[in-house]
Amino acid sequence: MSVTVLIASYLEPEHVARVAAIEGVRVLYDPALLPKPRYPADHHGGPFERSQQDERRWRALLAEAEVLFDFDFTHMNDLPGLAPNLRWIQATSAGIGQTLVRTGLIRSSIVFTTASGVHAAPLAEFVILAMLYFAKNVPLLIRDQAAHRWERYSGRQLRGSTAGIIGLGRVGREIARSCRALGMRVVAAKRTVSDRDAEDVDLLVPPAGVATVIRESDALVLIVPHTAETEGLIGERALRSMKRGAVLINIARGVVVDHQALLAALRDGHLGGAALDVTTPEPLPADSPLWDLPNVLICPHSASTVDNENAKLTDLFCENLRRYVRGQELLNVFDRERLY
């Protein structure tokens, strides 16, 4: 018996071939039935609607599938009924918890595996970019270049400063290693503290010590999942406890930060800057004042997206598929308990 895999978002032919080459796997893939990608590693695609005939074809594929590569974003709310044989979904992102709650999939018997670790390097690179953006006052350089103005100035160095990280998972550890390579001191908070995590940082504290991380950071990085515990974690009190001139970098979820309190801290200069890969709501409305603040760097939830992402996702999926075929434990199984 072969395992029937349905690829539910666009994947390049060479990666589809890698999946199909695994012994014991049968692949279903018809890109004509999927949204077209707008950029490399776009898993949602642009506006999309199937014809009645194509919808029948797609539902027939769903009915056969035992495994999905990526969520079927066209049937998030009725997927279990349309795919009665579905046992496992390999997600293409790490933060899937709220998606599962919103769609009710959290109550299904489907096993979900995340893309945890796949985006660690690009996210760490974005964090370093954001730190340098403010330390070297890139906005000033851009303004002066546009004005053809040569005027010397003084920036800051990262070496010797303190990077704070709230959420020391795979991404957090990659950020920590990158910061330490630049000579920065790293303090971090993690839900469960282990000796392995402590190797990558200078100070590691449990959640009760988050205030220490916030207070000591010259640049504070948020990389936590959206849970009841993390929603609104960085409010007015936390922001005002940060060093004057410190930088906030949010690559977690927008709801982790109180945006009104953030605006106030940016406007009055208490914060030196904010780099936001995520906002609330998303997309960030065109009339949001965040767009126009000179000390804000906006990234449209794209810090993790790079041109070789699908290759890395396929590496992970193929490894998990081999494990699935052999009846072994899968990598990155989503822990439902962490939502509560």
C-alpha atoms as a PDB file:
ATOM      1  CA  MET A   1       0.000   0.000   0.000  1.00  0.00           C
ATOM      2  CA  SER A   2       1.304   3.433  -0.908  1.00  0.00           C
ATOM      3  CA  VAL A   3       0.797   6.664   1.007  1.00  0.00           C
ATOM      4  CA  THR A   4      -1.186   9.179  -1.045  1.00  0.00           C
ATOM      5  CA  VAL A   5       0.221  12.697  -0.744  1.00  0.00           C
ATOM      6  CA  LEU A   6      -1.616  15.738  -2.060  1.00  0.00           C
ATOM      7  CA  ILE A   7       0.477  18.874  -2.548  1.00  0.00           C
ATOM      8  CA  ALA A   8      -1.873  21.718  -1.633  1.00  0.00           C
ATOM      9  CA  SER A   9       0.201  24.774  -2.494  1.00  0.00           C
ATOM     10  CA  TYR A  10       2.493  25.554  -5.403  1.00  0.00           C
ATOM     11  CA  LEU A  11       5.760  23.646  -5.405  1.00  0.00           C
ATOM     12  CA  GLU A  12       8.410  23.716  -8.129  1.00  0.00           C
ATOM     13  CA  PRO A  13       8.550  20.593 -10.333  1.00  0.00           C
ATOM     14  CA  GLU A  14      12.010  19.585  -9.092  1.00  0.00           C
ATOM     15  CA  HIS A  15      10.752  19.505  -5.518  1.00  0.00           C
ATOM     16  CA  VAL A  16       7.612  17.584  -6.471  1.00  0.00           C
ATOM     17  CA  ALA A  17       9.891  15.027  -8.127  1.00  0.00           C
ATOM     18  CA  ARG A  18      11.900  14.668  -4.914  1.00  0.00           C
ATOM     19  CA  VAL A  19       8.733  13.867  -2.974  1.00  0.00           C
ATOM     20  CA  ALA A  20       7.515  11.417  -5.631  1.00  0.00           C
ATOM     21  CA  ALA A  21      10.856   9.603  -5.577  1.00  0.00           C
ATOM     22  CA  ILE A  22      10.307   8.389  -2.008  1.00  0.00           C
ATOM     23  CA  GLU A  23       9.510   4.693  -1.919  1.00  0.00           C
ATOM     24  CA  GLY A  24       5.951   3.948  -0.898  1.00  0.00           C
ATOM     25  CA  VAL A  25       4.616   7.403  -1.798  1.00  0.00           C
ATOM     26  CA  ARG A  26       2.061   8.348  -4.451  1.00  0.00           C
ATOM     27  CA  VAL A  27       1.894  12.067  -5.233  1.00  0.00           C
ATOM     28  CA  LEU A  28      -1.152  14.000  -6.407  1.00  0.00           C
ATOM     29  CA  TYR A  29      -0.311  17.459  -7.750  1.00  0.00           C
ATOM     30  CA  ASP A  30      -2.072  19.704 -10.237  1.00  0.00           C
ATOM     31  CA  PRO A  31      -0.828  23.311 -10.083  1.00  0.00           C
ATOM     32  CA  ALA A  32      -3.704  24.397 -12.351  1.00  0.00           C
ATOM     33  CA  LEU A  33      -6.023  23.774  -9.386  1.00  0.00           C
ATOM     34  CA  LEU A  34      -3.975  25.927  -7.008  1.00  0.00           C
ATOM     35  CA  PRO A  35      -3.484  29.690  -6.581  1.00  0.00           C
ATOM     36  CA  LYS A  36      -0.519  30.980  -8.574  1.00  0.00           C
ATOM     37  CA  PRO A  37       2.413  32.178  -6.456  1.00  0.00           C
ATOM     38  CA  ARG A  38       3.079  35.937  -6.496  1.00  0.00           C
ATOM     39  CA  TYR A  39       6.701  35.560  -5.436  1.00  0.00           C
ATOM     40  CA  PRO A  40       9.100  32.699  -4.586  1.00  0.00           C
ATOM     41  CA  ALA A  41       7.790  30.502  -1.760  1.00  0.00           C
ATOM     42  CA  ASP A  42       4.337  32.118  -1.783  1.00  0.00           C
ATOM     43  CA  HIS A  43       2.066  29.457  -0.286  1.00  0.00           C
ATOM     44  CA  HIS A  44      -1.178  31.419  -0.374  1.00  0.00           C
ATOM     45  CA  GLY A  45      -1.139  32.919  -3.871  1.00  0.00           C
ATOM     46  CA  GLY A  46      -3.217  35.748  -5.220  1.00  0.00           C
ATOM     47  CA  PRO A  47      -7.032  35.971  -5.472  1.00  0.00           C
ATOM     48  CA  PHE A  48      -8.272  32.614  -6.677  1.00  0.00           C
ATOM     49  CA  GLU A  49     -11.511  30.869  -7.561  1.00  0.00           C
ATOM     50  CA  ARG A  50     -11.957  27.490  -9.202  1.00  0.00           C
ATOM     51  CA  SER A  51     -14.503  26.731 -11.846  1.00  0.00           C
ATOM     52  CA  GLN A  52     -17.178  24.206 -10.910  1.00  0.00           C
ATOM     53  CA  GLN A  53     -15.372  21.561 -12.928  1.00  0.00           C
ATOM     54  CA  ASP A  54     -12.016  22.316 -11.310  1.00  0.00           C
ATOM     55  CA  GLU A  55     -13.613  22.322  -7.869  1.00  0.00           C
ATOM     56  CA  ARG A  56     -14.967  18.829  -8.490  1.00  0.00           C
ATOM     57  CA  ARG A  57     -11.506  17.691  -9.577  1.00  0.00           C
ATOM     58  CA  TRP A  58      -9.925  19.226  -6.472  1.00  0.00           C
ATOM     59  CA  ARG A  59     -12.439  17.631  -4.131  1.00  0.00           C
ATOM     60  CA  ALA A  60     -11.769  14.266  -5.745  1.00  0.00           C
ATOM     61  CA  LEU A  61      -8.061  14.678  -4.961  1.00  0.00           C
ATOM     62  CA  LEU A  62      -8.836  15.687  -1.377  1.00  0.00           C
ATOM     63  CA  ALA A  63     -10.955  12.588  -0.929  1.00  0.00           C
ATOM     64  CA  GLU A  64      -7.937  10.414  -1.780  1.00  0.00           C
ATOM     65  CA  ALA A  65      -5.345  12.202   0.318  1.00  0.00           C
ATOM     66  CA  GLU A  66      -3.804  10.662   3.409  1.00  0.00           C
ATOM     67  CA  VAL A  67      -1.150  13.379   3.692  1.00  0.00           C
ATOM     68  CA  LEU A  68      -1.193  17.059   2.715  1.00  0.00           C
ATOM     69  CA  PHE A  69       1.823  19.186   1.981  1.00  0.00           C
ATOM     70  CA  ASP A  70       0.564  22.526   3.320  1.00  0.00           C
ATOM     71  CA  PHE A  71      -2.955  23.426   4.309  1.00  0.00           C
ATOM     72  CA  ASP A  72      -5.704  23.599   1.725  1.00  0.00           C
ATOM     73  CA  PHE A  73      -6.392  27.294   2.229  1.00  0.00           C
ATOM     74  CA  THR A  74      -9.515  27.060   0.063  1.00  0.00           C
ATOM     75  CA  HIS A  75     -11.171  24.614   2.464  1.00  0.00           C
ATOM     76  CA  MET A  76      -9.887  25.427   5.911  1.00  0.00           C
ATOM     77  CA  ASN A  77     -13.251  25.177   7.649  1.00  0.00           C
ATOM     78  CA  ASP A  78     -14.591  21.998   6.047  1.00  0.00           C
ATOM     79  CA  LEU A  79     -11.393  20.076   5.351  1.00  0.00           C
ATOM     80  CA  PRO A  80     -12.022  17.014   7.583  1.00  0.00           C
ATOM     81  CA  GLY A  81     -15.324  16.297   5.842  1.00  0.00           C
ATOM     82  CA  LEU A  82     -13.847  16.662   2.354  1.00  0.00           C
ATOM     83  CA  ALA A  83     -10.735  14.625   3.172  1.00  0.00           C
ATOM     84  CA  PRO A  84     -11.964  11.673   5.282  1.00  0.00           C
ATOM     85  CA  ASN A  85      -8.695   9.757   4.788  1.00  0.00           C
ATOM     86  CA  LEU A  86      -6.476  12.647   5.887  1.00  0.00           C
ATOM     87  CA  ARG A  87      -4.106  11.721   8.711  1.00  0.00           C
ATOM     88  CA  TRP A  88      -1.306  14.291   8.594  1.00  0.00           C
ATOM     89  CA  ILE A  89      -0.646  17.837   7.347  1.00  0.00           C
ATOM     90  CA  GLN A  90       2.863  19.225   6.938  1.00  0.00           C
ATOM     91  CA  ALA A  91       2.581  22.995   7.384  1.00  0.00           C
ATOM     92  CA  THR A  92       4.863  25.440   5.612  1.00  0.00           C
ATOM     93  CA  SER A  93       5.055  27.784   8.610  1.00  0.00           C
ATOM     94  CA  ALA A  94       5.909  27.398  12.268  1.00  0.00           C
ATOM     95  CA  GLY A  95       3.165  29.470  13.901  1.00  0.00           C
ATOM     96  CA  ILE A  96       0.016  27.509  13.098  1.00  0.00           C
ATOM     97  CA  GLY A  97      -1.707  27.437  16.488  1.00  0.00           C
ATOM     98  CA  GLN A  98      -4.196  30.244  16.021  1.00  0.00           C
ATOM     99  CA  THR A  99      -5.004  29.020  12.504  1.00  0.00           C
ATOM    100  CA  LEU A 100      -5.975  25.659  13.950  1.00  0.00           C
ATOM    101  CA  VAL A 101      -8.115  27.299  16.621  1.00  0.00           C
ATOM    102  CA  ARG A 102      -9.817  29.704  14.203  1.00  0.00           C
ATOM    103  CA  THR A 103     -10.745  26.969  11.727  1.00  0.00           C
ATOM    104  CA  GLY A 104     -11.668  24.318  14.278  1.00  0.00           C
ATOM    105  CA  LEU A 105      -8.957  21.981  12.973  1.00  0.00           C
ATOM    106  CA  ILE A 106      -7.530  21.912  16.482  1.00  0.00           C
ATOM    107  CA  ARG A 107     -10.427  19.576  17.376  1.00  0.00           C
ATOM    108  CA  SER A 108      -9.690  17.139  14.559  1.00  0.00           C
ATOM    109  CA  SER A 109      -7.669  13.944  14.866  1.00  0.00           C
ATOM    110  CA  ILE A 110      -5.255  15.108  12.145  1.00  0.00           C
ATOM    111  CA  VAL A 111      -1.564  15.241  13.072  1.00  0.00           C
ATOM    112  CA  PHE A 112       0.078  18.575  12.244  1.00  0.00           C
ATOM    113  CA  THR A 113       3.783  19.129  11.788  1.00  0.00           C
ATOM    114  CA  THR A 114       5.266  22.595  11.527  1.00  0.00           C
ATOM    115  CA  ALA A 115       8.133  24.127   9.581  1.00  0.00           C
ATOM    116  CA  SER A 116       9.988  24.933  12.783  1.00  0.00           C
ATOM    117  CA  GLY A 117      13.650  25.602  12.043  1.00  0.00           C
ATOM    118  CA  VAL A 118      13.246  26.170   8.313  1.00  0.00           C
ATOM    119  CA  HIS A 119      13.031  29.934   8.698  1.00  0.00           C
ATOM    120  CA  ALA A 120      15.629  30.365  11.438  1.00  0.00           C
ATOM    121  CA  ALA A 121      18.466  31.685   9.256  1.00  0.00           C
ATOM    122  CA  PRO A 122      16.460  34.261   7.251  1.00  0.00           C
ATOM    123  CA  LEU A 123      14.740  35.533  10.395  1.00  0.00           C
ATOM    124  CA  ALA A 124      18.066  35.881  12.189  1.00  0.00           C
ATOM    125  CA  GLU A 125      19.414  37.814   9.205  1.00  0.00           C
ATOM    126  CA  PHE A 126      16.416  40.155   9.334  1.00  0.00           C
ATOM    127  CA  VAL A 127      16.979  40.761  13.039  1.00  0.00           C
ATOM    128  CA  ILE A 128      20.619  41.705  12.426  1.00  0.00           C
ATOM    129  CA  LEU A 129      19.516  43.939   9.543  1.00  0.00           C
ATOM    130  CA  ALA A 130      17.049  45.704  11.851  1.00  0.00           C
ATOM    131  CA  MET A 131      19.649  46.198  14.566  1.00  0.00           C
ATOM    132  CA  LEU A 132      22.131  47.656  12.094  1.00  0.00           C
ATOM    133  CA  TYR A 133      19.411  49.755  10.441  1.00  0.00           C
ATOM    134  CA  PHE A 134      18.932  51.723  13.637  1.00  0.00           C
ATOM    135  CA  ALA A 135      22.483  51.518  15.027  1.00  0.00           C
ATOM    136  CA  LYS A 136      23.934  52.992  11.820  1.00  0.00           C
ATOM    137  CA  ASN A 137      20.966  55.361  11.326  1.00  0.00           C
ATOM    138  CA  VAL A 138      20.133  54.153   7.843  1.00  0.00           C
ATOM    139  CA  PRO A 139      17.040  56.419   7.622  1.00  0.00           C
ATOM    140  CA  LEU A 140      19.351  59.449   7.967  1.00  0.00           C
ATOM    141  CA  LEU A 141      21.677  58.111   5.276  1.00  0.00           C
ATOM    142  CA  ILE A 142      18.758  57.594   2.897  1.00  0.00           C
ATOM    143  CA  ARG A 143      17.436  61.102   3.520  1.00  0.00           C
ATOM    144  CA  ASP A 144      20.841  62.698   3.051  1.00  0.00           C
ATOM    145  CA  GLN A 145      21.516  60.714  -0.109  1.00  0.00           C
ATOM    146  CA  ALA A 146      18.152  61.757  -1.564  1.00  0.00           C
ATOM    147  CA  ALA A 147      19.020  65.384  -0.753  1.00  0.00           C
ATOM    148  CA  HIS A 148      22.564  65.013  -2.203  1.00  0.00           C
ATOM    149  CA  ARG A 149      23.830  66.140   1.192  1.00  0.00           C
ATOM    150  CA  TRP A 150      27.280  65.120   2.495  1.00  0.00           C
ATOM    151  CA  GLU A 151      27.238  65.645   6.242  1.00  0.00           C
ATOM    152  CA  ARG A 152      29.229  63.520   8.669  1.00  0.00           C
ATOM    153  CA  TYR A 153      27.461  61.918  11.611  1.00  0.00           C
ATOM    154  CA  SER A 154      28.014  59.393  14.400  1.00  0.00           C
ATOM    155  CA  GLY A 155      26.338  56.017  14.625  1.00  0.00           C
ATOM    156  CA  ARG A 156      26.473  53.281  17.267  1.00  0.00           C
ATOM    157  CA  GLN A 157      28.155  49.888  17.321  1.00  0.00           C
ATOM    158  CA  LEU A 158      26.414  46.644  18.162  1.00  0.00           C
ATOM    159  CA  ARG A 159      29.478  45.089  19.773  1.00  0.00           C
ATOM    160  CA  GLY A 160      29.173  45.370  23.529  1.00  0.00           C
ATOM    161  CA  SER A 161      25.442  46.108  23.498  1.00  0.00           C
ATOM    162  CA  THR A 162      22.772  43.734  24.819  1.00  0.00           C
ATOM    163  CA  ALA A 163      20.331  41.796  22.684  1.00  0.00           C
ATOM    164  CA  GLY A 164      17.264  40.475  24.473  1.00  0.00           C
ATOM    165  CA  ILE A 165      15.307  37.549  23.072  1.00  0.00           C
ATOM    166  CA  ILE A 166      11.879  36.491  24.312  1.00  0.00           C
ATOM    167  CA  GLY A 167      11.319  33.009  22.931  1.00  0.00           C
ATOM    168  CA  LEU A 168      14.434  30.872  22.596  1.00  0.00           C
ATOM    169  CA  GLY A 169      13.299  28.165  20.199  1.00  0.00           C
ATOM    170  CA  ARG A 170      15.180  27.294  17.025  1.00  0.00           C
ATOM    171  CA  VAL A 171      14.812  30.792  15.618  1.00  0.00           C
ATOM    172  CA  GLY A 172      15.737  32.395  18.919  1.00  0.00           C
ATOM    173  CA  ARG A 173      18.877  30.286  19.225  1.00  0.00           C
ATOM    174  CA  GLU A 174      19.933  31.207  15.678  1.00  0.00           C
ATOM    175  CA  ILE A 175      19.420  34.878  16.532  1.00  0.00           C
ATOM    176  CA  ALA A 176      21.429  34.439  19.725  1.00  0.00           C
ATOM    177  CA  ARG A 177      24.337  32.851  17.861  1.00  0.00           C
ATOM    178  CA  SER A 178      24.294  35.627  15.248  1.00  0.00           C
ATOM    179  CA  CYS A 179      24.288  38.330  17.922  1.00  0.00           C
ATOM    180  CA  ARG A 180      27.124  36.755  19.854  1.00  0.00           C
ATOM    181  CA  ALA A 181      29.147  36.477  16.638  1.00  0.00           C
ATOM    182  CA  LEU A 182      28.893  40.276  16.466  1.00  0.00           C
ATOM    183  CA  GLY A 183      30.179  40.612  20.009  1.00  0.00           C
ATOM    184  CA  MET A 184      26.823  41.319  21.626  1.00  0.00           C
ATOM    185  CA  ARG A 185      25.751  40.158  25.054  1.00  0.00           C
ATOM    186  CA  VAL A 186      22.587  38.030  24.819  1.00  0.00           C
ATOM    187  CA  VAL A 187      19.899  37.692  27.480  1.00  0.00           C
ATOM    188  CA  ALA A 188      16.850  35.533  26.836  1.00  0.00           C
ATOM    189  CA  ALA A 189      13.635  34.204  28.304  1.00  0.00           C
ATOM    190  CA  LYS A 190      12.228  30.775  27.497  1.00  0.00           C
ATOM    191  CA  ARG A 191       9.187  28.835  28.641  1.00  0.00           C
ATOM    192  CA  THR A 192      11.277  25.828  29.618  1.00  0.00           C
ATOM    193  CA  VAL A 193      14.929  26.386  30.455  1.00  0.00           C
ATOM    194  CA  SER A 194      17.550  23.763  29.546  1.00  0.00           C
ATOM    195  CA  ASP A 195      21.336  23.512  29.674  1.00  0.00           C
ATOM    196  CA  ARG A 196      21.444  23.269  25.873  1.00  0.00           C
ATOM    197  CA  ASP A 197      19.718  26.638  25.465  1.00  0.00           C
ATOM    198  CA  ALA A 198      22.021  28.254  28.017  1.00  0.00           C
ATOM    199  CA  GLU A 199      25.025  27.509  25.786  1.00  0.00           C
ATOM    200  CA  ASP A 200      23.901  30.137  23.250  1.00  0.00           C
ATOM    201  CA  VAL A 201      23.207  33.008  25.653  1.00  0.00           C
ATOM    202  CA  ASP A 202      24.839  34.882  28.500  1.00  0.00           C
ATOM    203  CA  LEU A 203      21.742  34.872  30.681  1.00  0.00           C
ATOM    204  CA  LEU A 204      18.694  32.611  30.374  1.00  0.00           C
ATOM    205  CA  VAL A 205      15.602  33.071  32.521  1.00  0.00           C
ATOM    206  CA  PRO A 206      12.155  31.430  32.767  1.00  0.00           C
ATOM    207  CA  PRO A 207       8.976  33.431  32.005  1.00  0.00           C
ATOM    208  CA  ALA A 208       9.050  34.943  35.491  1.00  0.00           C
ATOM    209  CA  GLY A 209      12.260  36.728  34.482  1.00  0.00           C
ATOM    210  CA  VAL A 210      10.924  38.366  31.308  1.00  0.00           C
ATOM    211  CA  ALA A 211      11.007  41.787  32.966  1.00  0.00           C
ATOM    212  CA  THR A 212      14.775  41.441  33.387  1.00  0.00           C
ATOM    213  CA  VAL A 213      15.250  40.707  29.698  1.00  0.00           C
ATOM    214  CA  ILE A 214      13.088  43.692  28.726  1.00  0.00           C
ATOM    215  CA  ARG A 215      14.882  46.028  31.104  1.00  0.00           C
ATOM    216  CA  GLU A 216      18.439  45.055  30.087  1.00  0.00           C
ATOM    217  CA  SER A 217      17.990  45.005  26.296  1.00  0.00           C
ATOM    218  CA  ASP A 218      19.363  47.561  23.874  1.00  0.00           C
ATOM    219  CA  ALA A 219      17.492  45.625  21.192  1.00  0.00           C
ATOM    220  CA  LEU A 220      14.572  43.408  22.229  1.00  0.00           C
ATOM    221  CA  VAL A 221      13.516  40.606  19.866  1.00  0.00           C
ATOM    222  CA  LEU A 222      10.111  38.946  20.143  1.00  0.00           C
ATOM    223  CA  ILE A 223       9.814  35.435  18.733  1.00  0.00           C
ATOM    224  CA  VAL A 224       7.030  33.740  20.696  1.00  0.00           C
ATOM    225  CA  PRO A 225       3.873  31.963  19.505  1.00  0.00           C
ATOM    226  CA  HIS A 226       0.470  33.596  19.885  1.00  0.00           C
ATOM    227  CA  THR A 227      -1.029  32.091  23.027  1.00  0.00           C
ATOM    228  CA  ALA A 228      -3.176  33.356  25.872  1.00  0.00           C
ATOM    229  CA  GLU A 229       0.044  33.987  27.802  1.00  0.00           C
ATOM    230  CA  THR A 230       1.788  36.030  25.084  1.00  0.00           C
ATOM    231  CA  GLU A 231      -1.116  38.153  23.821  1.00  0.00           C
ATOM    232  CA  GLY A 232      -0.436  41.734  24.939  1.00  0.00           C
ATOM    233  CA  LEU A 233       2.845  40.671  26.539  1.00  0.00           C
ATOM    234  CA  ILE A 234       4.540  43.942  25.565  1.00  0.00           C
ATOM    235  CA  GLY A 235       2.232  46.651  26.845  1.00  0.00           C
ATOM    236  CA  GLU A 236       2.793  50.163  28.131  1.00  0.00           C
ATOM    237  CA  ARG A 237       4.510  49.075  31.346  1.00  0.00           C
ATOM    238  CA  ALA A 238       6.915  46.781  29.516  1.00  0.00           C
ATOM    239  CA  LEU A 239       7.707  49.391  26.850  1.00  0.00           C
ATOM    240  CA  ARG A 240       8.358  52.092  29.433  1.00  0.00           C
ATOM    241  CA  SER A 241      10.670  49.757  31.339  1.00  0.00           C
ATOM    242  CA  MET A 242      12.915  49.439  28.286  1.00  0.00           C
ATOM    243  CA  LYS A 243      16.049  51.557  28.073  1.00  0.00           C
ATOM    244  CA  ARG A 244      15.497  54.965  26.514  1.00  0.00           C
ATOM    245  CA  GLY A 245      16.557  54.670  22.888  1.00  0.00           C
ATOM    246  CA  ALA A 246      16.225  50.873  22.801  1.00  0.00           C
ATOM    247  CA  VAL A 247      14.882  49.095  19.714  1.00  0.00           C
ATOM    248  CA  LEU A 248      11.968  46.642  19.553  1.00  0.00           C
ATOM    249  CA  ILE A 249      11.995  43.941  16.862  1.00  0.00           C
ATOM    250  CA  ASN A 250       8.799  41.906  16.480  1.00  0.00           C
ATOM    251  CA  ILE A 251       8.992  38.751  14.361  1.00  0.00           C
ATOM    252  CA  ALA A 252       6.424  36.919  16.513  1.00  0.00           C
ATOM    253  CA  ARG A 253       2.789  37.993  16.089  1.00  0.00           C
ATOM    254  CA  GLY A 254       1.320  41.477  16.067  1.00  0.00           C
ATOM    255  CA  VAL A 255      -0.959  40.848  19.048  1.00  0.00           C
ATOM    256  CA  VAL A 256       2.053  40.271  21.299  1.00  0.00           C
ATOM    257  CA  VAL A 257       2.517  44.087  21.336  1.00  0.00           C
ATOM    258  CA  ASP A 258       0.078  46.824  22.373  1.00  0.00           C
ATOM    259  CA  HIS A 259       0.295  49.003  19.261  1.00  0.00           C
ATOM    260  CA  GLN A 260      -1.152  52.121  20.869  1.00  0.00           C
ATOM    261  CA  ALA A 261       1.442  51.992  23.623  1.00  0.00           C
ATOM    262  CA  LEU A 262       4.105  51.303  21.006  1.00  0.00           C
ATOM    263  CA  LEU A 263       3.065  54.353  18.989  1.00  0.00           C
ATOM    264  CA  ALA A 264       3.289  56.568  22.045  1.00  0.00           C
ATOM    265  CA  ALA A 265       6.751  55.263  22.973  1.00  0.00           C
ATOM    266  CA  LEU A 266       8.011  55.801  19.431  1.00  0.00           C
ATOM    267  CA  ARG A 267       6.538  59.273  19.085  1.00  0.00           C
ATOM    268  CA  ASP A 268       7.964  60.647  22.324  1.00  0.00           C
ATOM    269  CA  GLY A 269      11.386  59.135  21.706  1.00  0.00           C
ATOM    270  CA  HIS A 270      11.410  56.657  24.573  1.00  0.00           C
ATOM    271  CA  LEU A 271      12.020  53.935  21.995  1.00  0.00           C
ATOM    272  CA  GLY A 272      14.746  54.530  19.453  1.00  0.00           C
ATOM    273  CA  GLY A 273      12.990  52.414  16.867  1.00  0.00           C
ATOM    274  CA  ALA A 274      10.817  49.446  16.025  1.00  0.00           C
ATOM    275  CA  ALA A 275      11.188  46.865  13.275  1.00  0.00           C
ATOM    276  CA  LEU A 276       7.866  45.165  12.663  1.00  0.00           C
ATOM    277  CA  ASP A 277       7.558  42.070  10.510  1.00  0.00           C
ATOM    278  CA  VAL A 278       4.111  41.521  12.030  1.00  0.00           C
ATOM    279  CA  THR A 279       1.333  43.906  13.015  1.00  0.00           C
ATOM    280  CA  THR A 280      -2.240  43.891  14.190  1.00  0.00           C
ATOM    281  CA  PRO A 281      -4.225  43.933  12.078  1.00  0.00           C
ATOM    282  CA  GLU A 282      -2.510  42.457   9.023  1.00  0.00           C
ATOM    283  CA  PRO A 283      -2.122  43.807   6.430  1.00  0.00           C
ATOM    284  CA  LEU A 284      -1.250  47.029   8.227  1.00  0.00           C
ATOM    285  CA  PRO A 285      -3.934  49.576   7.214  1.00  0.00           C
ATOM    286  CA  ALA A 286      -2.758  52.300   4.832  1.00  0.00           C
ATOM    287  CA  ASP A 287      -3.802  54.993   7.316  1.00  0.00           C
ATOM    288  CA  SER A 288      -1.800  53.552  10.222  1.00  0.00           C
ATOM    289  CA  PRO A 289       0.588  56.185  11.627  1.00  0.00           C
ATOM    290  CA  LEU A 290       3.261  53.499  11.890  1.00  0.00           C
ATOM    291  CA  TRP A 291       3.936  53.848   8.147  1.00  0.00           C
ATOM    292  CA  ASP A 292       5.077  57.443   8.505  1.00  0.00           C
ATOM    293  CA  LEU A 293       7.170  57.340  11.660  1.00  0.00           C
ATOM    294  CA  PRO A 294      10.861  57.840  10.793  1.00  0.00           C
ATOM    295  CA  ASN A 295      11.943  55.393  13.500  1.00  0.00           C
ATOM    296  CA  VAL A 296       9.886  52.437  12.240  1.00  0.00           C
ATOM    297  CA  LEU A 297      10.896  49.753   9.755  1.00  0.00           C
ATOM    298  CA  ILE A 298       7.914  47.874   8.289  1.00  0.00           C
ATOM    299  CA  CYS A 299       8.314  44.454   6.684  1.00  0.00           C
ATOM    300  CA  PRO A 300       5.105  42.876   5.281  1.00  0.00           C
ATOM    301  CA  HIS A 301       5.394  39.584   7.186  1.00  0.00           C
ATOM    302  CA  SER A 302       8.136  38.567   4.784  1.00  0.00           C
ATOM    303  CA  ALA A 303      11.256  38.383   6.948  1.00  0.00           C
ATOM    304  CA  SER A 304      11.203  34.590   6.806  1.00  0.00           C
ATOM    305  CA  THR A 305      10.540  34.309   3.077  1.00  0.00           C
ATOM    306  CA  VAL A 306      13.574  33.633   0.896  1.00  0.00           C
ATOM    307  CA  ASP A 307      14.120  32.213  -2.564  1.00  0.00           C
ATOM    308  CA  ASN A 308      15.287  28.777  -1.362  1.00  0.00           C
ATOM    309  CA  GLU A 309      12.513  28.283   1.186  1.00  0.00           C
ATOM    310  CA  ASN A 310      10.684  25.623  -0.819  1.00  0.00           C
ATOM    311  CA  ALA A 311      13.886  23.595  -1.122  1.00  0.00           C
ATOM    312  CA  LYS A 312      14.306  23.596   2.665  1.00  0.00           C
ATOM    313  CA  LEU A 313      10.622  22.814   3.218  1.00  0.00           C
ATOM    314  CA  THR A 314      10.918  19.873   0.833  1.00  0.00           C
ATOM    315  CA  ASP A 315      13.961  18.608   2.734  1.00  0.00           C
ATOM    316  CA  LEU A 316      11.902  18.570   5.921  1.00  0.00           C
ATOM    317  CA  PHE A 317       8.825  17.071   4.265  1.00  0.00           C
ATOM    318  CA  CYS A 318      10.807  14.274   2.607  1.00  0.00           C
ATOM    319  CA  GLU A 319      12.447  13.348   5.896  1.00  0.00           C
ATOM    320  CA  ASN A 320       9.066  13.289   7.608  1.00  0.00           C
ATOM    321  CA  LEU A 321       7.530  11.282   4.783  1.00  0.00           C
ATOM    322  CA  ARG A 322      10.200   8.617   5.115  1.00  0.00           C
ATOM    323  CA  ARG A 323       9.480   8.485   8.823  1.00  0.00           C
ATOM    324  CA  TYR A 324       5.730   8.293   8.191  1.00  0.00           C
ATOM    325  CA  VAL A 325       6.118   5.423   5.727  1.00  0.00           C
ATOM    326  CA  ARG A 326       8.283   3.555   8.250  1.00  0.00           C
ATOM    327  CA  GLY A 327       5.895   4.270  11.115  1.00  0.00           C
ATOM    328  CA  GLN A 328       8.452   6.396  12.989  1.00  0.00           C
ATOM    329  CA  GLU A 329       7.937   9.544  15.023  1.00  0.00           C
ATOM    330  CA  LEU A 330       7.577  12.695  12.931  1.00  0.00           C
ATOM    331  CA  LEU A 331       9.659  15.823  13.337  1.00  0.00           C
ATOM    332  CA  ASN A 332       8.062  19.081  14.547  1.00  0.00           C
ATOM    333  CA  VAL A 333       4.729  17.609  15.671  1.00  0.00           C
ATOM    334  CA  PHE A 334       2.515  20.484  16.802  1.00  0.00           C
ATOM    335  CA  ASP A 335       1.869  20.450  20.540  1.00  0.00           C
ATOM    336  CA  ARG A 336      -1.803  21.288  21.095  1.00  0.00           C
ATOM    337  CA  GLU A 337      -1.209  21.718  24.810  1.00  0.00           C
ATOM    338  CA  ARG A 338       0.976  24.799  24.282  1.00  0.00           C
ATOM    339  CA  LEU A 339      -2.068  26.809  23.200  1.00  0.00           C
ATOM    340  CA  TYR A 340      -3.575  26.695  26.662  1.00  0.00           C
END
